[in-house]
Amino acid sequence: MKKIIWISSYPKSGNTWTRWFISNYFFNKKKVDTDFNILNRIDKFPPYKILQSLLKEKEIKENPYNISKYWHQVQLEILKEKEDFVFLKNHNALVSVEGSNLTDERFSLAFIYLVRDPRDIVVSYSNFDQTLTLDKAIERITCESLYSHVSKKFPLDVEILGSWKFNYNSWKNGVEKVPRIIIRYEDLINNTFETKLKIIKFLSNILNFDIDIDHIKYSIQQSDFKRLQAIEKNHKFHESSNQFFNAGRVGQWQNILTSHQTRKIENFCKDEMLELGYL
């Protein structure tokens, strides 16, 4: 029985913020003030514990794309879990590597895809990873080839991202039979309640549950960006070695990127940016 609900995005697009909201809505019915531990209710794909039981670090060192051989095996393990549905965080593109698809309708119940203005992603990326200049961040999100990232902290953690537009288009168009919703980061910021209500309505249609408006409001309060910044200030975020909840602003690129840098992003991502209302 398919049961995976994917929360996917390009990095620095509001994925962790959205996970916090969804985790509170589904797994904090007693309304207990939450810290970073609530995020453990939504694991990252592929779950690291499962990976450790299936492959060796040597395989990833030889070729990071070897991770694709285990995608379906990992999902078969997830289907064995007792829960009726499982949320998974993900930054991989909905891609096929040497005949191995990231997922398909056998495993997947629904897709939630979060998308953000690529100009702001570049700024956020560079702020988060201080070894990454703005120009290198631009190269990364506009790469023509399939780009992969291997975590230094967790050597089995491989993300096959592609460019920003490749990642977006893959989740917009891939595995047609799976229902999906595309959420703009900017709407999460500027129209928070209506946008998060939209997410819950989508999930209600998939999972057949009654919507609790009061609990949506509570979950929004628990995942308020300033609250998360305060928690991170006092308790180190286990998923990051740098400050994770930094500015979260819309349009910060306007005061940071040069005209040349801006044009490079806009030329590469023009069609998708027009489609999403970024141009």
C-alpha atoms as a PDB file:
ATOM      1  CA  MET A   1       0.000   0.000   0.000  1.00  0.00           C
ATOM      2  CA  LYS A   2       1.440   3.357  -1.010  1.00  0.00           C
ATOM      3  CA  LYS A   3       1.860   5.697   1.921  1.00  0.00           C
ATOM      4  CA  ILE A   4       4.640   8.254   1.339  1.00  0.00           C
ATOM      5  CA  ILE A   5       3.784  11.965   1.275  1.00  0.00           C
ATOM      6  CA  TRP A   6       6.790  13.841  -0.054  1.00  0.00           C
ATOM      7  CA  ILE A   7       7.656  17.344   1.189  1.00  0.00           C
ATOM      8  CA  SER A   8      10.112  18.276  -1.526  1.00  0.00           C
ATOM      9  CA  SER A   9      11.967  21.413  -2.523  1.00  0.00           C
ATOM     10  CA  TYR A  10      15.234  22.825  -3.701  1.00  0.00           C
ATOM     11  CA  PRO A  11      17.381  23.640  -0.625  1.00  0.00           C
ATOM     12  CA  LYS A  12      16.673  26.908   1.225  1.00  0.00           C
ATOM     13  CA  SER A  13      13.046  27.017   0.073  1.00  0.00           C
ATOM     14  CA  GLY A  14      11.170  26.650   3.358  1.00  0.00           C
ATOM     15  CA  ASN A  15      11.163  22.863   3.668  1.00  0.00           C
ATOM     16  CA  THR A  16      12.197  22.690   7.331  1.00  0.00           C
ATOM     17  CA  TRP A  17       9.832  25.528   8.217  1.00  0.00           C
ATOM     18  CA  THR A  18       6.947  23.659   6.550  1.00  0.00           C
ATOM     19  CA  ARG A  19       7.917  20.396   8.232  1.00  0.00           C
ATOM     20  CA  TRP A  20       7.668  22.144  11.596  1.00  0.00           C
ATOM     21  CA  PHE A  21       4.137  23.308  10.778  1.00  0.00           C
ATOM     22  CA  ILE A  22       2.990  19.914   9.461  1.00  0.00           C
ATOM     23  CA  SER A  23       4.641  18.061  12.366  1.00  0.00           C
ATOM     24  CA  ASN A  24       2.759  20.197  14.863  1.00  0.00           C
ATOM     25  CA  TYR A  25      -0.546  19.805  13.052  1.00  0.00           C
ATOM     26  CA  PHE A  26      -0.361  16.018  12.817  1.00  0.00           C
ATOM     27  CA  PHE A  27       1.787  14.993  15.777  1.00  0.00           C
ATOM     28  CA  ASN A  28       1.203  17.584  18.485  1.00  0.00           C
ATOM     29  CA  LYS A  29      -2.490  17.241  19.248  1.00  0.00           C
ATOM     30  CA  LYS A  30      -1.855  17.904  22.961  1.00  0.00           C
ATOM     31  CA  LYS A  31      -0.450  21.327  22.062  1.00  0.00           C
ATOM     32  CA  VAL A  32       2.869  21.028  23.890  1.00  0.00           C
ATOM     33  CA  ASP A  33       5.415  23.750  23.099  1.00  0.00           C
ATOM     34  CA  THR A  34       7.809  22.132  20.660  1.00  0.00           C
ATOM     35  CA  ASP A  35      11.538  22.347  20.017  1.00  0.00           C
ATOM     36  CA  PHE A  36      13.653  20.838  17.239  1.00  0.00           C
ATOM     37  CA  ASN A  37      12.714  17.307  18.324  1.00  0.00           C
ATOM     38  CA  ILE A  38       9.305  17.671  16.660  1.00  0.00           C
ATOM     39  CA  LEU A  39      11.107  17.509  13.306  1.00  0.00           C
ATOM     40  CA  ASN A  40      12.105  13.917  14.041  1.00  0.00           C
ATOM     41  CA  ARG A  41       8.523  12.973  13.173  1.00  0.00           C
ATOM     42  CA  ILE A  42       9.313  13.734   9.525  1.00  0.00           C
ATOM     43  CA  ASP A  43      12.531  12.043   8.439  1.00  0.00           C
ATOM     44  CA  LYS A  44      14.725  12.997   5.532  1.00  0.00           C
ATOM     45  CA  PHE A  45      14.758  10.758   2.466  1.00  0.00           C
ATOM     46  CA  PRO A  46      16.451   8.351   2.383  1.00  0.00           C
ATOM     47  CA  PRO A  47      16.178   7.717   6.164  1.00  0.00           C
ATOM     48  CA  TYR A  48      19.752   7.334   7.394  1.00  0.00           C
ATOM     49  CA  LYS A  49      19.116   4.337   9.632  1.00  0.00           C
ATOM     50  CA  ILE A  50      17.734   2.375   6.699  1.00  0.00           C
ATOM     51  CA  LEU A  51      20.648   3.433   4.486  1.00  0.00           C
ATOM     52  CA  GLN A  52      23.151   2.202   7.050  1.00  0.00           C
ATOM     53  CA  SER A  53      21.598  -1.246   6.905  1.00  0.00           C
ATOM     54  CA  LEU A  54      21.721  -1.416   3.107  1.00  0.00           C
ATOM     55  CA  LEU A  55      24.969   0.061   1.792  1.00  0.00           C
ATOM     56  CA  LYS A  56      28.546   0.893   2.666  1.00  0.00           C
ATOM     57  CA  GLU A  57      30.258   4.259   2.563  1.00  0.00           C
ATOM     58  CA  LYS A  58      32.677   2.857  -0.021  1.00  0.00           C
ATOM     59  CA  GLU A  59      29.901   2.700  -2.636  1.00  0.00           C
ATOM     60  CA  ILE A  60      29.174   6.410  -2.266  1.00  0.00           C
ATOM     61  CA  LYS A  61      32.858   7.340  -2.359  1.00  0.00           C
ATOM     62  CA  GLU A  62      33.208   5.385  -5.612  1.00  0.00           C
ATOM     63  CA  ASN A  63      30.191   7.100  -7.156  1.00  0.00           C
ATOM     64  CA  PRO A  64      27.605   9.231  -5.304  1.00  0.00           C
ATOM     65  CA  TYR A  65      24.979   8.263  -7.876  1.00  0.00           C
ATOM     66  CA  ASN A  66      25.117   4.698  -6.560  1.00  0.00           C
ATOM     67  CA  ILE A  67      22.567   5.911  -4.002  1.00  0.00           C
ATOM     68  CA  SER A  68      19.920   5.568  -6.722  1.00  0.00           C
ATOM     69  CA  LYS A  69      20.251   1.776  -6.644  1.00  0.00           C
ATOM     70  CA  TYR A  70      18.735   1.795  -3.155  1.00  0.00           C
ATOM     71  CA  TRP A  71      15.881   4.285  -3.558  1.00  0.00           C
ATOM     72  CA  HIS A  72      13.177   1.674  -4.102  1.00  0.00           C
ATOM     73  CA  GLN A  73      14.574  -0.733  -1.531  1.00  0.00           C
ATOM     74  CA  VAL A  74      14.443   2.050   1.068  1.00  0.00           C
ATOM     75  CA  GLN A  75      10.829   2.797   0.178  1.00  0.00           C
ATOM     76  CA  LEU A  76       9.895  -0.874   0.449  1.00  0.00           C
ATOM     77  CA  GLU A  77      11.264  -0.766   4.002  1.00  0.00           C
ATOM     78  CA  ILE A  78       9.217   2.358   4.717  1.00  0.00           C
ATOM     79  CA  LEU A  79       6.041   0.626   3.500  1.00  0.00           C
ATOM     80  CA  LYS A  80       6.548  -1.988   6.222  1.00  0.00           C
ATOM     81  CA  GLU A  81       6.055   0.632   8.942  1.00  0.00           C
ATOM     82  CA  LYS A  82       2.785   0.451  10.872  1.00  0.00           C
ATOM     83  CA  GLU A  83       1.645   4.007  10.095  1.00  0.00           C
ATOM     84  CA  ASP A  84      -0.987   4.552   7.411  1.00  0.00           C
ATOM     85  CA  PHE A  85       1.058   7.371   5.916  1.00  0.00           C
ATOM     86  CA  VAL A  86       4.600   8.713   6.258  1.00  0.00           C
ATOM     87  CA  PHE A  87       5.844  12.231   5.539  1.00  0.00           C
ATOM     88  CA  LEU A  88       9.368  12.517   4.118  1.00  0.00           C
ATOM     89  CA  LYS A  89      11.551  15.593   3.642  1.00  0.00           C
ATOM     90  CA  ASN A  90      13.385  15.602   0.332  1.00  0.00           C
ATOM     91  CA  HIS A  91      15.638  17.795  -1.827  1.00  0.00           C
ATOM     92  CA  ASN A  92      16.271  15.297  -4.629  1.00  0.00           C
ATOM     93  CA  ALA A  93      14.848  16.019  -8.036  1.00  0.00           C
ATOM     94  CA  LEU A  94      12.175  13.572  -9.163  1.00  0.00           C
ATOM     95  CA  VAL A  95      14.781  12.001 -11.355  1.00  0.00           C
ATOM     96  CA  SER A  96      15.823   8.708 -12.934  1.00  0.00           C
ATOM     97  CA  VAL A  97      19.453   7.583 -12.679  1.00  0.00           C
ATOM     98  CA  GLU A  98      20.541   4.663 -14.867  1.00  0.00           C
ATOM     99  CA  GLY A  99      17.010   3.302 -14.902  1.00  0.00           C
ATOM    100  CA  SER A 100      16.353   3.837 -11.187  1.00  0.00           C
ATOM    101  CA  ASN A 101      13.516   6.280 -10.525  1.00  0.00           C
ATOM    102  CA  LEU A 102      13.441   8.251  -7.291  1.00  0.00           C
ATOM    103  CA  THR A 103       9.890   7.047  -6.654  1.00  0.00           C
ATOM    104  CA  ASP A 104       6.680   6.060  -8.444  1.00  0.00           C
ATOM    105  CA  GLU A 105       2.961   5.564  -7.788  1.00  0.00           C
ATOM    106  CA  ARG A 106       3.580   2.248  -5.986  1.00  0.00           C
ATOM    107  CA  PHE A 107       5.087   4.136  -3.057  1.00  0.00           C
ATOM    108  CA  SER A 108       3.843   7.703  -3.295  1.00  0.00           C
ATOM    109  CA  LEU A 109       0.547   9.000  -1.936  1.00  0.00           C
ATOM    110  CA  ALA A 110       1.084  12.712  -2.646  1.00  0.00           C
ATOM    111  CA  PHE A 111       3.661  15.401  -3.432  1.00  0.00           C
ATOM    112  CA  ILE A 112       3.990  18.753  -1.667  1.00  0.00           C
ATOM    113  CA  TYR A 113       6.535  20.852  -3.538  1.00  0.00           C
ATOM    114  CA  LEU A 114       7.873  24.123  -2.139  1.00  0.00           C
ATOM    115  CA  VAL A 115       9.396  26.609  -4.553  1.00  0.00           C
ATOM    116  CA  ARG A 116      11.214  29.901  -3.930  1.00  0.00           C
ATOM    117  CA  ASP A 117      12.555  32.730  -6.087  1.00  0.00           C
ATOM    118  CA  PRO A 118      15.975  31.419  -7.215  1.00  0.00           C
ATOM    119  CA  ARG A 119      17.557  34.839  -6.698  1.00  0.00           C
ATOM    120  CA  ASP A 120      16.696  34.670  -2.990  1.00  0.00           C
ATOM    121  CA  ILE A 121      17.836  31.039  -2.815  1.00  0.00           C
ATOM    122  CA  VAL A 122      21.319  32.097  -3.973  1.00  0.00           C
ATOM    123  CA  VAL A 123      21.562  34.669  -1.172  1.00  0.00           C
ATOM    124  CA  SER A 124      20.230  32.230   1.430  1.00  0.00           C
ATOM    125  CA  TYR A 125      22.539  29.456   0.188  1.00  0.00           C
ATOM    126  CA  SER A 126      25.589  31.691   0.457  1.00  0.00           C
ATOM    127  CA  ASN A 127      24.622  32.916   3.931  1.00  0.00           C
ATOM    128  CA  PHE A 128      24.097  29.347   5.124  1.00  0.00           C
ATOM    129  CA  ASP A 129      27.282  27.864   3.628  1.00  0.00           C
ATOM    130  CA  GLN A 130      30.050  30.396   4.140  1.00  0.00           C
ATOM    131  CA  THR A 131      32.370  28.448   1.819  1.00  0.00           C
ATOM    132  CA  LEU A 132      29.904  29.141  -0.991  1.00  0.00           C
ATOM    133  CA  THR A 133      30.296  32.514  -2.698  1.00  0.00           C
ATOM    134  CA  LEU A 134      27.334  34.068  -4.469  1.00  0.00           C
ATOM    135  CA  ASP A 135      28.875  33.209  -7.848  1.00  0.00           C
ATOM    136  CA  LYS A 136      29.397  29.581  -6.836  1.00  0.00           C
ATOM    137  CA  ALA A 137      25.824  29.406  -5.558  1.00  0.00           C
ATOM    138  CA  ILE A 138      24.631  30.754  -8.905  1.00  0.00           C
ATOM    139  CA  GLU A 139      26.700  28.143 -10.732  1.00  0.00           C
ATOM    140  CA  ARG A 140      25.077  25.480  -8.595  1.00  0.00           C
ATOM    141  CA  ILE A 141      21.465  26.463  -9.221  1.00  0.00           C
ATOM    142  CA  THR A 142      22.016  27.057 -12.944  1.00  0.00           C
ATOM    143  CA  CYS A 143      24.102  23.961 -13.699  1.00  0.00           C
ATOM    144  CA  GLU A 144      23.203  22.201 -16.939  1.00  0.00           C
ATOM    145  CA  SER A 145      24.285  18.792 -15.696  1.00  0.00           C
ATOM    146  CA  LEU A 146      22.720  16.723 -12.925  1.00  0.00           C
ATOM    147  CA  TYR A 147      24.245  18.097  -9.732  1.00  0.00           C
ATOM    148  CA  SER A 148      24.704  15.966  -6.604  1.00  0.00           C
ATOM    149  CA  HIS A 149      25.658  16.883  -3.042  1.00  0.00           C
ATOM    150  CA  VAL A 150      27.228  14.569  -0.454  1.00  0.00           C
ATOM    151  CA  SER A 151      26.995  15.556   3.213  1.00  0.00           C
ATOM    152  CA  LYS A 152      30.339  15.894   5.006  1.00  0.00           C
ATOM    153  CA  LYS A 153      28.719  15.029   8.316  1.00  0.00           C
ATOM    154  CA  PHE A 154      26.691  12.063   7.051  1.00  0.00           C
ATOM    155  CA  PRO A 155      28.631  10.373   4.217  1.00  0.00           C
ATOM    156  CA  LEU A 156      25.694   8.247   3.028  1.00  0.00           C
ATOM    157  CA  ASP A 157      23.493  11.321   2.687  1.00  0.00           C
ATOM    158  CA  VAL A 158      23.467  12.055  -1.051  1.00  0.00           C
ATOM    159  CA  GLU A 159      21.097  14.521  -2.714  1.00  0.00           C
ATOM    160  CA  ILE A 160      20.724  14.542  -6.495  1.00  0.00           C
ATOM    161  CA  LEU A 161      19.431  18.038  -7.107  1.00  0.00           C
ATOM    162  CA  GLY A 162      19.996  19.231 -10.634  1.00  0.00           C
ATOM    163  CA  SER A 163      19.467  22.919 -11.320  1.00  0.00           C
ATOM    164  CA  TRP A 164      16.698  24.947  -9.674  1.00  0.00           C
ATOM    165  CA  LYS A 165      14.501  24.770 -12.774  1.00  0.00           C
ATOM    166  CA  PHE A 166      15.206  21.077 -13.374  1.00  0.00           C
ATOM    167  CA  ASN A 167      14.249  20.279  -9.787  1.00  0.00           C
ATOM    168  CA  TYR A 168      11.034  22.312 -10.018  1.00  0.00           C
ATOM    169  CA  ASN A 169       9.965  20.899 -13.390  1.00  0.00           C
ATOM    170  CA  SER A 170      10.667  17.334 -12.296  1.00  0.00           C
ATOM    171  CA  TRP A 171       8.206  17.608  -9.382  1.00  0.00           C
ATOM    172  CA  LYS A 172       5.683  19.601 -11.394  1.00  0.00           C
ATOM    173  CA  ASN A 173       5.520  17.064 -14.215  1.00  0.00           C
ATOM    174  CA  GLY A 174       6.856  13.712 -12.966  1.00  0.00           C
ATOM    175  CA  VAL A 175       4.820  10.609 -12.004  1.00  0.00           C
ATOM    176  CA  GLU A 176       1.579  12.062 -13.367  1.00  0.00           C
ATOM    177  CA  LYS A 177      -0.798   9.791 -11.417  1.00  0.00           C
ATOM    178  CA  VAL A 178       0.324  11.131  -8.022  1.00  0.00           C
ATOM    179  CA  PRO A 179      -1.648  14.192  -6.766  1.00  0.00           C
ATOM    180  CA  ARG A 180       0.471  17.227  -5.940  1.00  0.00           C
ATOM    181  CA  ILE A 181       0.383  20.782  -4.700  1.00  0.00           C
ATOM    182  CA  ILE A 182       2.976  23.466  -5.438  1.00  0.00           C
ATOM    183  CA  ILE A 183       3.469  26.089  -2.738  1.00  0.00           C
ATOM    184  CA  ARG A 184       5.476  29.282  -3.182  1.00  0.00           C
ATOM    185  CA  TYR A 185       7.726  30.270  -0.280  1.00  0.00           C
ATOM    186  CA  GLU A 186       6.660  33.856  -0.804  1.00  0.00           C
ATOM    187  CA  ASP A 187       3.019  32.942  -0.129  1.00  0.00           C
ATOM    188  CA  LEU A 188       4.035  31.200   3.093  1.00  0.00           C
ATOM    189  CA  ILE A 189       5.571  34.524   4.164  1.00  0.00           C
ATOM    190  CA  ASN A 190       3.000  36.993   2.845  1.00  0.00           C
ATOM    191  CA  ASN A 191      -0.221  34.990   3.133  1.00  0.00           C
ATOM    192  CA  THR A 192       0.613  32.537   5.885  1.00  0.00           C
ATOM    193  CA  PHE A 193      -2.757  31.332   7.160  1.00  0.00           C
ATOM    194  CA  GLU A 194      -4.426  30.937   3.757  1.00  0.00           C
ATOM    195  CA  THR A 195      -1.391  29.162   2.300  1.00  0.00           C
ATOM    196  CA  LYS A 196      -1.040  26.727   5.187  1.00  0.00           C
ATOM    197  CA  LEU A 197      -4.794  26.125   5.157  1.00  0.00           C
ATOM    198  CA  LYS A 198      -4.362  25.256   1.465  1.00  0.00           C
ATOM    199  CA  ILE A 199      -1.768  22.624   2.417  1.00  0.00           C
ATOM    200  CA  ILE A 200      -4.047  21.099   5.065  1.00  0.00           C
ATOM    201  CA  LYS A 201      -7.033  21.065   2.682  1.00  0.00           C
ATOM    202  CA  PHE A 202      -4.902  19.231   0.124  1.00  0.00           C
ATOM    203  CA  LEU A 203      -3.844  16.668   2.738  1.00  0.00           C
ATOM    204  CA  SER A 204      -7.435  16.357   3.980  1.00  0.00           C
ATOM    205  CA  ASN A 205      -8.521  15.329   0.489  1.00  0.00           C
ATOM    206  CA  ILE A 206      -5.757  12.722   0.379  1.00  0.00           C
ATOM    207  CA  LEU A 207      -6.099  11.352   3.918  1.00  0.00           C
ATOM    208  CA  ASN A 208      -9.816  12.014   4.529  1.00  0.00           C
ATOM    209  CA  PHE A 209      -9.733  13.877   7.857  1.00  0.00           C
ATOM    210  CA  ASP A 210     -11.705  16.817   9.242  1.00  0.00           C
ATOM    211  CA  ILE A 211      -9.846  20.134   9.252  1.00  0.00           C
ATOM    212  CA  ASP A 212      -9.210  21.744  12.647  1.00  0.00           C
ATOM    213  CA  ILE A 213      -8.867  25.505  12.088  1.00  0.00           C
ATOM    214  CA  ASP A 214      -7.802  26.171  15.682  1.00  0.00           C
ATOM    215  CA  HIS A 215      -5.029  23.612  15.398  1.00  0.00           C
ATOM    216  CA  ILE A 216      -3.856  25.172  12.135  1.00  0.00           C
ATOM    217  CA  LYS A 217      -3.539  28.497  13.967  1.00  0.00           C
ATOM    218  CA  TYR A 218      -1.700  26.829  16.847  1.00  0.00           C
ATOM    219  CA  SER A 219       0.673  25.037  14.447  1.00  0.00           C
ATOM    220  CA  ILE A 220       1.377  28.339  12.701  1.00  0.00           C
ATOM    221  CA  GLN A 221       2.247  29.919  16.058  1.00  0.00           C
ATOM    222  CA  GLN A 222       4.554  27.019  16.901  1.00  0.00           C
ATOM    223  CA  SER A 223       6.334  27.382  13.554  1.00  0.00           C
ATOM    224  CA  ASP A 224       6.580  31.179  13.618  1.00  0.00           C
ATOM    225  CA  PHE A 225       9.941  32.106  12.059  1.00  0.00           C
ATOM    226  CA  LYS A 226      10.996  34.416  14.906  1.00  0.00           C
ATOM    227  CA  ARG A 227      10.157  31.674  17.418  1.00  0.00           C
ATOM    228  CA  LEU A 228      12.358  29.225  15.521  1.00  0.00           C
ATOM    229  CA  GLN A 229      15.201  31.765  15.452  1.00  0.00           C
ATOM    230  CA  ALA A 230      14.925  32.147  19.233  1.00  0.00           C
ATOM    231  CA  ILE A 231      14.965  28.376  19.751  1.00  0.00           C
ATOM    232  CA  GLU A 232      18.026  28.035  17.502  1.00  0.00           C
ATOM    233  CA  LYS A 233      19.793  30.771  19.458  1.00  0.00           C
ATOM    234  CA  ASN A 234      19.439  28.751  22.670  1.00  0.00           C
ATOM    235  CA  HIS A 235      19.608  25.210  21.280  1.00  0.00           C
ATOM    236  CA  LYS A 236      21.856  24.223  18.384  1.00  0.00           C
ATOM    237  CA  PHE A 237      19.915  22.849  15.413  1.00  0.00           C
ATOM    238  CA  HIS A 238      21.072  19.251  14.928  1.00  0.00           C
ATOM    239  CA  GLU A 239      20.499  19.359  11.155  1.00  0.00           C
ATOM    240  CA  SER A 240      22.944  22.228  10.632  1.00  0.00           C
ATOM    241  CA  SER A 241      26.391  23.341  11.799  1.00  0.00           C
ATOM    242  CA  ASN A 242      25.681  26.963  10.744  1.00  0.00           C
ATOM    243  CA  GLN A 243      22.814  29.308  11.563  1.00  0.00           C
ATOM    244  CA  PHE A 244      19.839  27.778   9.793  1.00  0.00           C
ATOM    245  CA  PHE A 245      16.932  30.167  10.431  1.00  0.00           C
ATOM    246  CA  ASN A 246      18.635  33.309   9.196  1.00  0.00           C
ATOM    247  CA  ALA A 247      16.554  36.069   7.562  1.00  0.00           C
ATOM    248  CA  GLY A 248      13.781  34.304   5.674  1.00  0.00           C
ATOM    249  CA  ARG A 249      12.990  37.504   3.802  1.00  0.00           C
ATOM    250  CA  VAL A 250      11.397  37.904   0.392  1.00  0.00           C
ATOM    251  CA  GLY A 251      13.322  39.989  -2.152  1.00  0.00           C
ATOM    252  CA  GLN A 252      16.601  40.184  -0.239  1.00  0.00           C
ATOM    253  CA  TRP A 253      18.463  39.575  -3.515  1.00  0.00           C
ATOM    254  CA  GLN A 254      17.645  43.124  -4.682  1.00  0.00           C
ATOM    255  CA  ASN A 255      20.161  44.632  -2.255  1.00  0.00           C
ATOM    256  CA  ILE A 256      22.833  41.954  -2.636  1.00  0.00           C
ATOM    257  CA  LEU A 257      23.135  40.586  -6.185  1.00  0.00           C
ATOM    258  CA  THR A 258      24.830  42.548  -8.955  1.00  0.00           C
ATOM    259  CA  SER A 259      22.959  43.161 -12.213  1.00  0.00           C
ATOM    260  CA  HIS A 260      25.224  40.616 -13.921  1.00  0.00           C
ATOM    261  CA  GLN A 261      24.465  37.963 -11.293  1.00  0.00           C
ATOM    262  CA  THR A 262      20.757  38.716 -11.482  1.00  0.00           C
ATOM    263  CA  ARG A 263      20.709  38.438 -15.299  1.00  0.00           C
ATOM    264  CA  LYS A 264      22.494  35.093 -15.215  1.00  0.00           C
ATOM    265  CA  ILE A 265      19.826  33.605 -12.957  1.00  0.00           C
ATOM    266  CA  GLU A 266      16.918  35.218 -14.801  1.00  0.00           C
ATOM    267  CA  ASN A 267      18.168  34.171 -18.249  1.00  0.00           C
ATOM    268  CA  PHE A 268      18.608  30.551 -17.164  1.00  0.00           C
ATOM    269  CA  CYS A 269      15.318  30.300 -15.236  1.00  0.00           C
ATOM    270  CA  LYS A 270      13.222  32.729 -17.311  1.00  0.00           C
ATOM    271  CA  ASP A 271      10.302  30.481 -18.316  1.00  0.00           C
ATOM    272  CA  GLU A 272       9.811  29.031 -14.852  1.00  0.00           C
ATOM    273  CA  MET A 273      10.196  32.402 -13.132  1.00  0.00           C
ATOM    274  CA  LEU A 274       7.560  33.899 -15.434  1.00  0.00           C
ATOM    275  CA  GLU A 275       5.266  30.954 -14.754  1.00  0.00           C
ATOM    276  CA  LEU A 276       5.618  31.412 -10.994  1.00  0.00           C
ATOM    277  CA  GLY A 277       5.245  35.195 -11.036  1.00  0.00           C
ATOM    278  CA  TYR A 278       8.873  35.995 -10.183  1.00  0.00           C
ATOM    279  CA  LEU A 279       9.357  38.041 -13.370  1.00  0.00           C
END
